[in-house]
Amino acid sequence: MNHSATSKKSAAKRTAAPGKTYHHGNLRESLLLAAETVLAAHGVRGITLREVAKAAGVSHAAPYHHFAGLNEMLAAVAEQGFAALAEAMECANAAGDTRERLLHIAQAYVRCARLQPERFRLMFAPQLNQADAFPALQAAAQRAFAILQAAACEHDPVNGTELALCGWSLSHGLSNLLIDGALVNAAPAAQDPDALVRQLTRRALGLG
């Protein structure tokens, strides 16, 4: 091989290397983005590692570089869901007095659920409810609840934790009912979810 050919081959390797490094450096992120896409299209029961790899444009074996199996990948997606929920609740916690903050937090919760319903279902999927197996996911869920708990305790120092559980239950149940379309005929107010969340949370707070 002459010197010119060798130089061209070396240049080609140098050009290709950065792209290869970039791809592998972002493999985990790419897989999680692909998982979100597949999850939104097929739901929790329809997602597989093979489909995620295909959506990410990588080999079927690639996900195993970062995840031991499907549930570990789904736990990472759910963890991102709780992080997004916590961020939305934190922003809502900055508004108005203590009552108004609780109303805004409830609205933020339901909005997050309705924005990505399949991810919302995944966040509470039974197969991921294993604190020992997925500690990072459990920590993310606890951080989200802690925001509501702190706001509730500020509003009612004596019964704050109970109030937080009541608010979480109300928002969570209402989110599922809205996602499933169960309130279309039962509650005309469901046509305006934000208003319905506010109305029901006011009742829970004894505001009428």
N, C-alpha and C. Protein backbone atom coordinates (compact mmCIF):
# COMPACT_ATOMS: atom_id res chain seq x y z
N MET A 1 0.86 -1.20 0.00
CA MET A 1 0.00 0.00 0.00
C MET A 1 0.89 1.24 0.00
N ASN A 2 0.60 2.20 -0.86
CA ASN A 2 1.45 3.39 -0.92
C ASN A 2 1.10 4.35 0.20
N HIS A 3 1.98 5.35 0.34
CA HIS A 3 1.82 6.31 1.44
C HIS A 3 0.51 7.08 1.33
N SER A 4 0.10 7.44 0.11
CA SER A 4 -1.12 8.20 -0.09
C SER A 4 -2.34 7.42 0.37
N ALA A 5 -2.39 6.12 0.01
CA ALA A 5 -3.53 5.29 0.40
C ALA A 5 -3.59 5.14 1.91
N THR A 6 -2.40 4.97 2.52
CA THR A 6 -2.35 4.82 3.98
C THR A 6 -2.86 6.07 4.67
N SER A 7 -2.48 7.24 4.15
CA SER A 7 -2.90 8.51 4.72
C SER A 7 -4.41 8.67 4.64
N LYS A 8 -4.97 8.28 3.49
CA LYS A 8 -6.42 8.40 3.31
C LYS A 8 -7.16 7.50 4.28
N LYS A 9 -6.62 6.27 4.48
CA LYS A 9 -7.27 5.32 5.39
C LYS A 9 -7.22 5.84 6.82
N SER A 10 -6.07 6.41 7.21
CA SER A 10 -5.93 6.96 8.56
C SER A 10 -6.87 8.13 8.78
N ALA A 11 -7.02 8.96 7.74
CA ALA A 11 -7.92 10.12 7.85
C ALA A 11 -9.36 9.66 8.01
N ALA A 12 -9.71 8.60 7.27
CA ALA A 12 -11.08 8.07 7.36
C ALA A 12 -11.36 7.57 8.76
N LYS A 13 -10.38 6.89 9.37
CA LYS A 13 -10.56 6.39 10.73
C LYS A 13 -10.75 7.53 11.72
N ARG A 14 -9.92 8.60 11.50
CA ARG A 14 -10.04 9.74 12.42
C ARG A 14 -11.40 10.41 12.28
N THR A 15 -11.93 10.44 11.07
CA THR A 15 -13.23 11.07 10.84
C THR A 15 -14.35 10.24 11.45
N ALA A 16 -14.25 8.90 11.35
CA ALA A 16 -15.31 8.02 11.83
C ALA A 16 -15.31 7.92 13.34
N ALA A 17 -14.13 8.03 13.97
CA ALA A 17 -14.02 7.79 15.39
C ALA A 17 -14.91 8.69 16.25
N PRO A 18 -14.93 10.04 16.00
CA PRO A 18 -15.77 10.88 16.84
C PRO A 18 -17.23 10.47 16.80
N GLY A 19 -17.73 10.10 15.63
CA GLY A 19 -19.13 9.70 15.52
C GLY A 19 -19.41 8.47 16.34
N LYS A 20 -18.50 7.50 16.29
CA LYS A 20 -18.67 6.26 17.04
C LYS A 20 -18.65 6.53 18.54
N THR A 21 -17.73 7.37 18.97
CA THR A 21 -17.64 7.72 20.38
C THR A 21 -18.92 8.43 20.83
N TYR A 22 -19.42 9.35 20.03
CA TYR A 22 -20.63 10.11 20.36
C TYR A 22 -21.81 9.16 20.54
N HIS A 23 -21.93 8.19 19.61
CA HIS A 23 -23.05 7.25 19.65
C HIS A 23 -23.04 6.46 20.95
N HIS A 24 -21.88 5.88 21.28
CA HIS A 24 -21.81 5.05 22.47
C HIS A 24 -21.93 5.90 23.73
N GLY A 25 -21.47 7.11 23.69
CA GLY A 25 -21.56 7.97 24.85
C GLY A 25 -22.98 8.35 25.19
N ASN A 26 -23.88 8.28 24.22
CA ASN A 26 -25.27 8.66 24.44
C ASN A 26 -26.21 7.47 24.29
N LEU A 27 -25.68 6.26 24.35
CA LEU A 27 -26.51 5.08 24.14
C LEU A 27 -27.63 4.98 25.17
N ARG A 28 -27.30 5.17 26.43
CA ARG A 28 -28.33 5.05 27.47
C ARG A 28 -29.45 6.06 27.26
N GLU A 29 -29.06 7.31 27.00
CA GLU A 29 -30.05 8.36 26.76
C GLU A 29 -30.90 8.04 25.53
N SER A 30 -30.25 7.56 24.48
CA SER A 30 -30.98 7.22 23.25
C SER A 30 -31.98 6.09 23.51
N LEU A 31 -31.58 5.12 24.31
CA LEU A 31 -32.47 4.00 24.62
C LEU A 31 -33.67 4.46 25.45
N LEU A 32 -33.43 5.36 26.38
CA LEU A 32 -34.54 5.85 27.21
C LEU A 32 -35.52 6.69 26.40
N LEU A 33 -34.99 7.48 25.47
CA LEU A 33 -35.88 8.25 24.59
C LEU A 33 -36.69 7.31 23.71
N ALA A 34 -36.05 6.28 23.21
CA ALA A 34 -36.75 5.29 22.38
C ALA A 34 -37.79 4.55 23.21
N ALA A 35 -37.46 4.25 24.45
CA ALA A 35 -38.40 3.56 25.33
C ALA A 35 -39.64 4.41 25.57
N GLU A 36 -39.46 5.71 25.73
CA GLU A 36 -40.60 6.62 25.90
C GLU A 36 -41.51 6.56 24.67
N THR A 37 -40.90 6.53 23.49
CA THR A 37 -41.67 6.49 22.24
C THR A 37 -42.45 5.19 22.11
N VAL A 38 -41.77 4.07 22.37
CA VAL A 38 -42.43 2.77 22.27
C VAL A 38 -43.52 2.64 23.34
N LEU A 39 -43.24 3.14 24.53
CA LEU A 39 -44.21 3.09 25.62
C LEU A 39 -45.47 3.86 25.27
N ALA A 40 -45.30 5.06 24.71
CA ALA A 40 -46.45 5.89 24.34
C ALA A 40 -47.30 5.21 23.27
N ALA A 41 -46.66 4.47 22.38
CA ALA A 41 -47.36 3.83 21.27
C ALA A 41 -48.01 2.50 21.66
N HIS A 42 -47.35 1.73 22.53
CA HIS A 42 -47.81 0.36 22.80
C HIS A 42 -48.19 0.10 24.26
N GLY A 43 -47.91 1.04 25.15
CA GLY A 43 -48.25 0.83 26.54
C GLY A 43 -47.28 -0.07 27.27
N VAL A 44 -47.50 -0.22 28.57
CA VAL A 44 -46.59 -1.01 29.41
C VAL A 44 -46.54 -2.45 28.95
N ARG A 45 -47.67 -3.01 28.58
CA ARG A 45 -47.71 -4.43 28.20
C ARG A 45 -47.13 -4.69 26.81
N GLY A 46 -47.02 -3.65 26.01
CA GLY A 46 -46.56 -3.85 24.64
C GLY A 46 -45.11 -3.52 24.40
N ILE A 47 -44.41 -3.04 25.41
CA ILE A 47 -43.02 -2.63 25.21
C ILE A 47 -42.07 -3.81 25.44
N THR A 48 -41.08 -3.92 24.58
CA THR A 48 -40.05 -4.95 24.70
C THR A 48 -38.69 -4.33 24.45
N LEU A 49 -37.64 -4.99 24.93
CA LEU A 49 -36.28 -4.50 24.67
C LEU A 49 -35.98 -4.51 23.18
N ARG A 50 -36.49 -5.50 22.48
CA ARG A 50 -36.24 -5.59 21.05
C ARG A 50 -36.84 -4.39 20.31
N GLU A 51 -38.07 -4.01 20.69
CA GLU A 51 -38.72 -2.86 20.05
C GLU A 51 -38.00 -1.56 20.39
N VAL A 52 -37.53 -1.45 21.62
CA VAL A 52 -36.79 -0.25 22.03
C VAL A 52 -35.49 -0.14 21.25
N ALA A 53 -34.77 -1.25 21.12
CA ALA A 53 -33.51 -1.25 20.36
C ALA A 53 -33.77 -0.87 18.92
N LYS A 54 -34.83 -1.40 18.34
CA LYS A 54 -35.18 -1.09 16.96
C LYS A 54 -35.50 0.40 16.81
N ALA A 55 -36.26 0.95 17.75
CA ALA A 55 -36.61 2.37 17.70
C ALA A 55 -35.39 3.27 17.87
N ALA A 56 -34.41 2.79 18.63
CA ALA A 56 -33.18 3.57 18.86
C ALA A 56 -32.18 3.39 17.74
N GLY A 57 -32.43 2.41 16.85
CA GLY A 57 -31.53 2.17 15.74
C GLY A 57 -30.25 1.48 16.14
N VAL A 58 -30.34 0.61 17.16
CA VAL A 58 -29.16 -0.12 17.61
C VAL A 58 -29.45 -1.62 17.58
N SER A 59 -28.44 -2.43 17.84
CA SER A 59 -28.60 -3.88 17.81
C SER A 59 -29.49 -4.35 18.97
N HIS A 60 -30.03 -5.55 18.85
CA HIS A 60 -30.89 -6.09 19.91
C HIS A 60 -30.13 -6.29 21.21
N ALA A 61 -28.82 -6.47 21.10
CA ALA A 61 -28.01 -6.69 22.30
C ALA A 61 -27.59 -5.39 22.99
N ALA A 62 -27.70 -4.26 22.29
CA ALA A 62 -27.21 -2.98 22.80
C ALA A 62 -27.80 -2.58 24.15
N PRO A 63 -29.11 -2.76 24.40
CA PRO A 63 -29.67 -2.35 25.69
C PRO A 63 -29.00 -2.99 26.89
N TYR A 64 -28.43 -4.20 26.69
CA TYR A 64 -27.82 -4.91 27.81
C TYR A 64 -26.49 -4.29 28.25
N HIS A 65 -26.00 -3.32 27.49
CA HIS A 65 -24.81 -2.59 27.92
C HIS A 65 -25.12 -1.69 29.11
N HIS A 66 -26.40 -1.32 29.26
CA HIS A 66 -26.79 -0.40 30.32
C HIS A 66 -27.88 -0.94 31.24
N PHE A 67 -28.64 -1.93 30.79
CA PHE A 67 -29.76 -2.44 31.58
C PHE A 67 -29.72 -3.97 31.64
N ALA A 68 -29.93 -4.50 32.83
CA ALA A 68 -29.90 -5.95 33.00
C ALA A 68 -31.09 -6.63 32.32
N GLY A 69 -32.16 -5.89 32.17
CA GLY A 69 -33.35 -6.45 31.54
C GLY A 69 -34.39 -5.37 31.32
N LEU A 70 -35.56 -5.76 30.85
CA LEU A 70 -36.61 -4.80 30.52
C LEU A 70 -37.06 -4.01 31.73
N ASN A 71 -37.29 -4.66 32.86
CA ASN A 71 -37.78 -3.95 34.04
C ASN A 71 -36.80 -2.89 34.53
N GLU A 72 -35.52 -3.15 34.40
CA GLU A 72 -34.53 -2.16 34.82
C GLU A 72 -34.60 -0.93 33.91
N MET A 73 -34.82 -1.14 32.63
CA MET A 73 -35.00 0.00 31.73
C MET A 73 -36.29 0.75 32.04
N LEU A 74 -37.35 0.01 32.28
CA LEU A 74 -38.63 0.65 32.59
C LEU A 74 -38.54 1.43 33.90
N ALA A 75 -37.78 0.92 34.86
CA ALA A 75 -37.59 1.64 36.11
C ALA A 75 -36.90 2.98 35.87
N ALA A 76 -35.95 3.00 34.95
CA ALA A 76 -35.26 4.25 34.62
C ALA A 76 -36.21 5.24 33.96
N VAL A 77 -37.10 4.74 33.11
CA VAL A 77 -38.11 5.60 32.48
C VAL A 77 -39.07 6.15 33.54
N ALA A 78 -39.51 5.28 34.44
CA ALA A 78 -40.41 5.70 35.51
C ALA A 78 -39.74 6.72 36.43
N GLU A 79 -38.45 6.52 36.68
CA GLU A 79 -37.71 7.48 37.51
C GLU A 79 -37.72 8.86 36.87
N GLN A 80 -37.55 8.92 35.56
CA GLN A 80 -37.63 10.20 34.85
C GLN A 80 -39.02 10.80 34.97
N GLY A 81 -40.03 9.93 34.97
CA GLY A 81 -41.41 10.40 35.12
C GLY A 81 -41.61 11.07 36.47
N PHE A 82 -41.10 10.46 37.53
CA PHE A 82 -41.24 11.06 38.86
C PHE A 82 -40.43 12.35 38.98
N ALA A 83 -39.29 12.40 38.29
CA ALA A 83 -38.50 13.63 38.30
C ALA A 83 -39.26 14.77 37.64
N ALA A 84 -39.92 14.46 36.52
CA ALA A 84 -40.73 15.47 35.83
C ALA A 84 -41.92 15.89 36.69
N LEU A 85 -42.53 14.92 37.36
CA LEU A 85 -43.66 15.23 38.24
C LEU A 85 -43.21 16.12 39.39
N ALA A 86 -42.08 15.79 40.00
CA ALA A 86 -41.56 16.59 41.10
C ALA A 86 -41.26 18.01 40.66
N GLU A 87 -40.70 18.17 39.48
CA GLU A 87 -40.40 19.50 38.97
C GLU A 87 -41.67 20.32 38.77
N ALA A 88 -42.71 19.69 38.22
CA ALA A 88 -43.97 20.38 38.00
C ALA A 88 -44.62 20.77 39.32
N MET A 89 -44.57 19.86 40.29
CA MET A 89 -45.15 20.14 41.61
C MET A 89 -44.36 21.23 42.34
N GLU A 90 -43.06 21.22 42.16
CA GLU A 90 -42.21 22.23 42.80
C GLU A 90 -42.54 23.62 42.25
N CYS A 91 -42.72 23.71 40.95
CA CYS A 91 -43.10 24.99 40.34
C CYS A 91 -44.46 25.45 40.85
N ALA A 92 -45.39 24.51 40.98
CA ALA A 92 -46.74 24.85 41.46
C ALA A 92 -46.71 25.27 42.92
N ASN A 93 -45.73 24.80 43.66
CA ASN A 93 -45.63 25.08 45.09
C ASN A 93 -45.19 26.51 45.38
N ALA A 94 -44.88 27.27 44.34
CA ALA A 94 -44.40 28.64 44.53
C ALA A 94 -45.53 29.66 44.45
N ALA A 95 -46.75 29.21 44.19
CA ALA A 95 -47.84 30.14 43.92
C ALA A 95 -48.73 30.38 45.14
N GLY A 96 -48.99 31.65 45.44
CA GLY A 96 -50.03 32.03 46.40
C GLY A 96 -49.81 31.55 47.83
N ASP A 97 -50.93 31.52 48.60
CA ASP A 97 -50.87 31.07 49.99
C ASP A 97 -50.86 29.55 50.05
N THR A 98 -50.90 28.99 51.25
CA THR A 98 -50.76 27.54 51.40
C THR A 98 -51.90 26.78 50.73
N ARG A 99 -53.12 27.30 50.80
CA ARG A 99 -54.24 26.63 50.15
C ARG A 99 -54.08 26.65 48.63
N GLU A 100 -53.70 27.80 48.14
CA GLU A 100 -53.55 27.94 46.69
C GLU A 100 -52.43 27.03 46.18
N ARG A 101 -51.39 26.87 46.96
CA ARG A 101 -50.30 25.99 46.56
C ARG A 101 -50.79 24.55 46.42
N LEU A 102 -51.59 24.10 47.36
CA LEU A 102 -52.12 22.73 47.30
C LEU A 102 -53.02 22.55 46.08
N LEU A 103 -53.80 23.56 45.77
CA LEU A 103 -54.66 23.49 44.59
C LEU A 103 -53.81 23.40 43.32
N HIS A 104 -52.76 24.20 43.25
CA HIS A 104 -51.88 24.20 42.08
C HIS A 104 -51.11 22.88 41.95
N ILE A 105 -50.69 22.34 43.08
CA ILE A 105 -49.97 21.06 43.06
C ILE A 105 -50.86 19.95 42.52
N ALA A 106 -52.11 19.94 42.96
CA ALA A 106 -53.06 18.93 42.48
C ALA A 106 -53.26 19.06 40.97
N GLN A 107 -53.39 20.28 40.50
CA GLN A 107 -53.56 20.51 39.07
C GLN A 107 -52.31 20.08 38.29
N ALA A 108 -51.14 20.37 38.83
CA ALA A 108 -49.89 19.98 38.17
C ALA A 108 -49.77 18.46 38.07
N TYR A 109 -50.19 17.78 39.12
CA TYR A 109 -50.14 16.31 39.14
C TYR A 109 -50.98 15.73 38.01
N VAL A 110 -52.21 16.19 37.90
CA VAL A 110 -53.12 15.65 36.90
C VAL A 110 -52.66 16.03 35.49
N ARG A 111 -52.12 17.22 35.32
CA ARG A 111 -51.61 17.62 34.01
C ARG A 111 -50.48 16.68 33.56
N CYS A 112 -49.55 16.38 34.47
CA CYS A 112 -48.44 15.48 34.14
C CYS A 112 -48.97 14.11 33.73
N ALA A 113 -49.95 13.63 34.46
CA ALA A 113 -50.51 12.31 34.15
C ALA A 113 -51.16 12.30 32.77
N ARG A 114 -51.90 13.35 32.46
CA ARG A 114 -52.61 13.40 31.18
C ARG A 114 -51.67 13.69 30.01
N LEU A 115 -50.53 14.33 30.30
CA LEU A 115 -49.58 14.65 29.24
C LEU A 115 -48.91 13.39 28.70
N GLN A 116 -48.56 12.48 29.59
CA GLN A 116 -47.93 11.21 29.18
C GLN A 116 -48.59 10.07 29.96
N PRO A 117 -49.78 9.69 29.55
CA PRO A 117 -50.56 8.70 30.32
C PRO A 117 -49.90 7.34 30.46
N GLU A 118 -49.23 6.85 29.43
CA GLU A 118 -48.60 5.53 29.55
C GLU A 118 -47.41 5.56 30.49
N ARG A 119 -46.68 6.65 30.48
CA ARG A 119 -45.58 6.76 31.44
C ARG A 119 -46.13 6.87 32.85
N PHE A 120 -47.25 7.57 33.00
CA PHE A 120 -47.89 7.69 34.30
C PHE A 120 -48.30 6.31 34.83
N ARG A 121 -48.88 5.48 33.97
CA ARG A 121 -49.25 4.12 34.39
C ARG A 121 -48.00 3.33 34.79
N LEU A 122 -46.94 3.50 34.01
CA LEU A 122 -45.70 2.78 34.29
C LEU A 122 -45.13 3.15 35.65
N MET A 123 -45.22 4.41 36.02
CA MET A 123 -44.65 4.89 37.27
C MET A 123 -45.19 4.13 38.48
N PHE A 124 -46.39 3.61 38.35
CA PHE A 124 -47.02 2.89 39.47
C PHE A 124 -47.27 1.42 39.14
N ALA A 125 -46.58 0.92 38.13
CA ALA A 125 -46.75 -0.48 37.71
C ALA A 125 -46.28 -1.43 38.81
N PRO A 126 -47.05 -2.48 39.08
CA PRO A 126 -46.70 -3.42 40.16
C PRO A 126 -45.30 -4.02 40.03
N GLN A 127 -44.86 -4.30 38.80
CA GLN A 127 -43.55 -4.95 38.64
C GLN A 127 -42.38 -4.05 39.03
N LEU A 128 -42.65 -2.74 39.17
CA LEU A 128 -41.58 -1.82 39.55
C LEU A 128 -41.65 -1.43 41.02
N ASN A 129 -42.67 -1.91 41.71
CA ASN A 129 -42.84 -1.56 43.12
C ASN A 129 -41.99 -2.46 44.01
N GLN A 130 -40.68 -2.35 43.81
CA GLN A 130 -39.72 -3.16 44.55
C GLN A 130 -38.58 -2.25 45.01
N ALA A 131 -38.66 -1.80 46.23
CA ALA A 131 -37.68 -0.84 46.74
C ALA A 131 -36.26 -1.37 46.67
N ASP A 132 -36.08 -2.66 46.97
CA ASP A 132 -34.73 -3.24 46.97
C ASP A 132 -34.16 -3.34 45.56
N ALA A 133 -35.03 -3.63 44.60
CA ALA A 133 -34.57 -3.82 43.22
C ALA A 133 -34.33 -2.49 42.51
N PHE A 134 -35.14 -1.49 42.82
CA PHE A 134 -35.05 -0.21 42.11
C PHE A 134 -35.02 0.95 43.11
N PRO A 135 -33.94 1.07 43.88
CA PRO A 135 -33.87 2.12 44.91
C PRO A 135 -33.92 3.54 44.34
N ALA A 136 -33.33 3.76 43.18
CA ALA A 136 -33.34 5.11 42.59
C ALA A 136 -34.77 5.53 42.22
N LEU A 137 -35.55 4.58 41.73
CA LEU A 137 -36.94 4.86 41.40
C LEU A 137 -37.73 5.19 42.67
N GLN A 138 -37.54 4.40 43.72
CA GLN A 138 -38.25 4.65 44.96
C GLN A 138 -37.87 6.01 45.55
N ALA A 139 -36.60 6.37 45.43
CA ALA A 139 -36.15 7.67 45.95
C ALA A 139 -36.79 8.81 45.17
N ALA A 140 -36.92 8.65 43.85
CA ALA A 140 -37.55 9.68 43.02
C ALA A 140 -39.02 9.83 43.38
N ALA A 141 -39.70 8.72 43.63
CA ALA A 141 -41.11 8.77 44.02
C ALA A 141 -41.27 9.46 45.38
N GLN A 142 -40.36 9.16 46.30
CA GLN A 142 -40.43 9.77 47.62
C GLN A 142 -40.16 11.27 47.56
N ARG A 143 -39.26 11.69 46.66
CA ARG A 143 -38.98 13.12 46.51
C ARG A 143 -40.22 13.86 46.02
N ALA A 144 -40.95 13.24 45.11
CA ALA A 144 -42.16 13.88 44.59
C ALA A 144 -43.20 14.01 45.70
N PHE A 145 -43.40 12.94 46.46
CA PHE A 145 -44.38 13.00 47.55
C PHE A 145 -43.96 14.00 48.61
N ALA A 146 -42.66 14.11 48.86
CA ALA A 146 -42.16 15.02 49.89
C ALA A 146 -42.53 16.46 49.60
N ILE A 147 -42.62 16.82 48.33
CA ILE A 147 -43.01 18.19 47.95
C ILE A 147 -44.44 18.45 48.39
N LEU A 148 -45.33 17.50 48.09
CA LEU A 148 -46.72 17.64 48.52
C LEU A 148 -46.83 17.61 50.03
N GLN A 149 -46.10 16.71 50.66
CA GLN A 149 -46.16 16.59 52.12
C GLN A 149 -45.72 17.88 52.80
N ALA A 150 -44.65 18.49 52.29
CA ALA A 150 -44.15 19.74 52.89
C ALA A 150 -45.18 20.85 52.73
N ALA A 151 -45.82 20.92 51.57
CA ALA A 151 -46.84 21.96 51.34
C ALA A 151 -48.05 21.72 52.23
N ALA A 152 -48.44 20.46 52.40
CA ALA A 152 -49.59 20.13 53.24
C ALA A 152 -49.30 20.42 54.70
N CYS A 153 -48.09 20.10 55.15
CA CYS A 153 -47.72 20.35 56.55
C CYS A 153 -47.60 21.85 56.84
N GLU A 154 -47.22 22.60 55.84
CA GLU A 154 -47.17 24.05 56.02
C GLU A 154 -48.59 24.60 56.18
N HIS A 155 -49.52 24.01 55.45
CA HIS A 155 -50.91 24.44 55.54
C HIS A 155 -51.55 23.96 56.84
N ASP A 156 -51.24 22.72 57.24
CA ASP A 156 -51.82 22.14 58.45
C ASP A 156 -50.73 21.35 59.18
N PRO A 157 -50.01 22.00 60.09
CA PRO A 157 -48.89 21.36 60.78
C PRO A 157 -49.28 20.10 61.56
N VAL A 158 -50.51 19.99 61.98
CA VAL A 158 -50.94 18.85 62.80
C VAL A 158 -51.30 17.65 61.93
N ASN A 159 -52.10 17.89 60.88
CA ASN A 159 -52.62 16.80 60.05
C ASN A 159 -52.06 16.83 58.63
N GLY A 160 -50.88 17.44 58.47
CA GLY A 160 -50.33 17.64 57.14
C GLY A 160 -50.08 16.36 56.36
N THR A 161 -49.51 15.35 56.99
CA THR A 161 -49.22 14.10 56.28
C THR A 161 -50.49 13.41 55.82
N GLU A 162 -51.50 13.39 56.68
CA GLU A 162 -52.78 12.79 56.30
C GLU A 162 -53.42 13.59 55.15
N LEU A 163 -53.31 14.89 55.21
CA LEU A 163 -53.84 15.74 54.15
C LEU A 163 -53.10 15.48 52.84
N ALA A 164 -51.80 15.28 52.92
CA ALA A 164 -51.01 14.99 51.72
C ALA A 164 -51.44 13.67 51.08
N LEU A 165 -51.66 12.65 51.92
CA LEU A 165 -52.12 11.36 51.41
C LEU A 165 -53.50 11.47 50.77
N CYS A 166 -54.35 12.27 51.38
CA CYS A 166 -55.68 12.50 50.82
C CYS A 166 -55.57 13.19 49.46
N GLY A 167 -54.72 14.21 49.38
CA GLY A 167 -54.55 14.94 48.13
C GLY A 167 -53.93 14.08 47.04
N TRP A 168 -52.93 13.26 47.41
CA TRP A 168 -52.30 12.37 46.45
C TRP A 168 -53.32 11.37 45.91
N SER A 169 -54.10 10.79 46.82
CA SER A 169 -55.11 9.81 46.42
C SER A 169 -56.14 10.43 45.48
N LEU A 170 -56.58 11.62 45.82
CA LEU A 170 -57.57 12.30 44.98
C LEU A 170 -57.00 12.58 43.59
N SER A 171 -55.81 13.15 43.55
CA SER A 171 -55.20 13.51 42.26
C SER A 171 -54.88 12.27 41.43
N HIS A 172 -54.40 11.23 42.10
CA HIS A 172 -54.04 10.00 41.39
C HIS A 172 -55.29 9.31 40.83
N GLY A 173 -56.31 9.20 41.65
CA GLY A 173 -57.54 8.57 41.18
C GLY A 173 -58.20 9.35 40.07
N LEU A 174 -58.23 10.66 40.22
CA LEU A 174 -58.84 11.50 39.20
C LEU A 174 -58.05 11.42 37.89
N SER A 175 -56.73 11.36 38.00
CA SER A 175 -55.89 11.23 36.80
C SER A 175 -56.27 9.97 36.03
N ASN A 176 -56.38 8.86 36.72
CA ASN A 176 -56.72 7.60 36.06
C ASN A 176 -58.11 7.64 35.44
N LEU A 177 -59.07 8.23 36.14
CA LEU A 177 -60.42 8.34 35.61
C LEU A 177 -60.45 9.19 34.33
N LEU A 178 -59.69 10.28 34.33
CA LEU A 178 -59.64 11.15 33.16
C LEU A 178 -58.92 10.46 32.00
N ILE A 179 -57.83 9.78 32.28
CA ILE A 179 -57.07 9.07 31.24
C ILE A 179 -57.93 7.99 30.59
N ASP A 180 -58.70 7.29 31.42
CA ASP A 180 -59.54 6.20 30.92
C ASP A 180 -60.85 6.68 30.29
N GLY A 181 -61.11 7.99 30.39
CA GLY A 181 -62.35 8.53 29.83
C GLY A 181 -63.59 8.13 30.61
N ALA A 182 -63.40 7.80 31.88
CA ALA A 182 -64.51 7.30 32.69
C ALA A 182 -65.46 8.40 33.16
N LEU A 183 -65.05 9.65 33.02
CA LEU A 183 -65.89 10.73 33.54
C LEU A 183 -66.62 11.50 32.44
N VAL A 184 -66.53 11.01 31.21
CA VAL A 184 -67.14 11.72 30.08
C VAL A 184 -68.63 11.94 30.30
N ASN A 185 -69.34 10.92 30.74
CA ASN A 185 -70.78 11.02 30.96
C ASN A 185 -71.14 11.31 32.41
N ALA A 186 -70.24 10.91 33.32
CA ALA A 186 -70.55 11.04 34.75
C ALA A 186 -70.39 12.46 35.27
N ALA A 187 -69.47 13.20 34.69
CA ALA A 187 -69.19 14.54 35.21
C ALA A 187 -68.95 15.52 34.07
N PRO A 188 -69.95 16.34 33.75
CA PRO A 188 -69.77 17.34 32.68
C PRO A 188 -68.55 18.23 32.92
N ALA A 189 -68.21 18.43 34.19
CA ALA A 189 -67.06 19.28 34.52
C ALA A 189 -65.75 18.68 34.03
N ALA A 190 -65.77 17.37 33.68
CA ALA A 190 -64.55 16.72 33.22
C ALA A 190 -64.07 17.29 31.89
N GLN A 191 -64.92 18.05 31.21
CA GLN A 191 -64.50 18.69 29.97
C GLN A 191 -63.42 19.74 30.23
N ASP A 192 -63.33 20.20 31.48
CA ASP A 192 -62.29 21.14 31.89
C ASP A 192 -61.55 20.53 33.07
N PRO A 193 -60.57 19.64 32.81
CA PRO A 193 -59.89 18.93 33.89
C PRO A 193 -59.28 19.84 34.95
N ASP A 194 -58.67 20.95 34.53
CA ASP A 194 -58.06 21.86 35.50
C ASP A 194 -59.10 22.37 36.50
N ALA A 195 -60.26 22.76 35.97
CA ALA A 195 -61.32 23.27 36.84
C ALA A 195 -61.86 22.18 37.75
N LEU A 196 -61.98 20.96 37.22
CA LEU A 196 -62.50 19.85 38.02
C LEU A 196 -61.53 19.51 39.15
N VAL A 197 -60.24 19.47 38.86
CA VAL A 197 -59.24 19.19 39.90
C VAL A 197 -59.32 20.25 41.00
N ARG A 198 -59.41 21.47 40.58
CA ARG A 198 -59.47 22.56 41.55
C ARG A 198 -60.73 22.45 42.42
N GLN A 199 -61.85 22.17 41.78
CA GLN A 199 -63.12 22.09 42.50
C GLN A 199 -63.09 20.96 43.53
N LEU A 200 -62.63 19.78 43.15
CA LEU A 200 -62.60 18.65 44.05
C LEU A 200 -61.56 18.82 45.16
N THR A 201 -60.44 19.44 44.84
CA THR A 201 -59.42 19.67 45.87
C THR A 201 -59.89 20.69 46.88
N ARG A 202 -60.63 21.68 46.42
CA ARG A 202 -61.22 22.66 47.35
C ARG A 202 -62.15 21.96 48.32
N ARG A 203 -62.94 21.02 47.83
CA ARG A 203 -63.84 20.28 48.71
C ARG A 203 -63.05 19.45 49.72
N ALA A 204 -61.97 18.84 49.27
CA ALA A 204 -61.13 18.04 50.16
C ALA A 204 -60.51 18.91 51.26
N LEU A 205 -60.26 20.17 50.94
CA LEU A 205 -59.70 21.11 51.91
C LEU A 205 -60.79 21.77 52.76
N GLY A 206 -62.06 21.40 52.50
CA GLY A 206 -63.17 21.97 53.26
C GLY A 206 -63.50 23.39 52.86
N LEU A 207 -63.22 23.72 51.60
CA LEU A 207 -63.46 25.09 51.14
C LEU A 207 -64.79 25.21 50.40
N GLY A 208 -65.51 24.12 50.24
CA GLY A 208 -66.81 24.16 49.56
C GLY A 208 -66.70 24.21 48.06
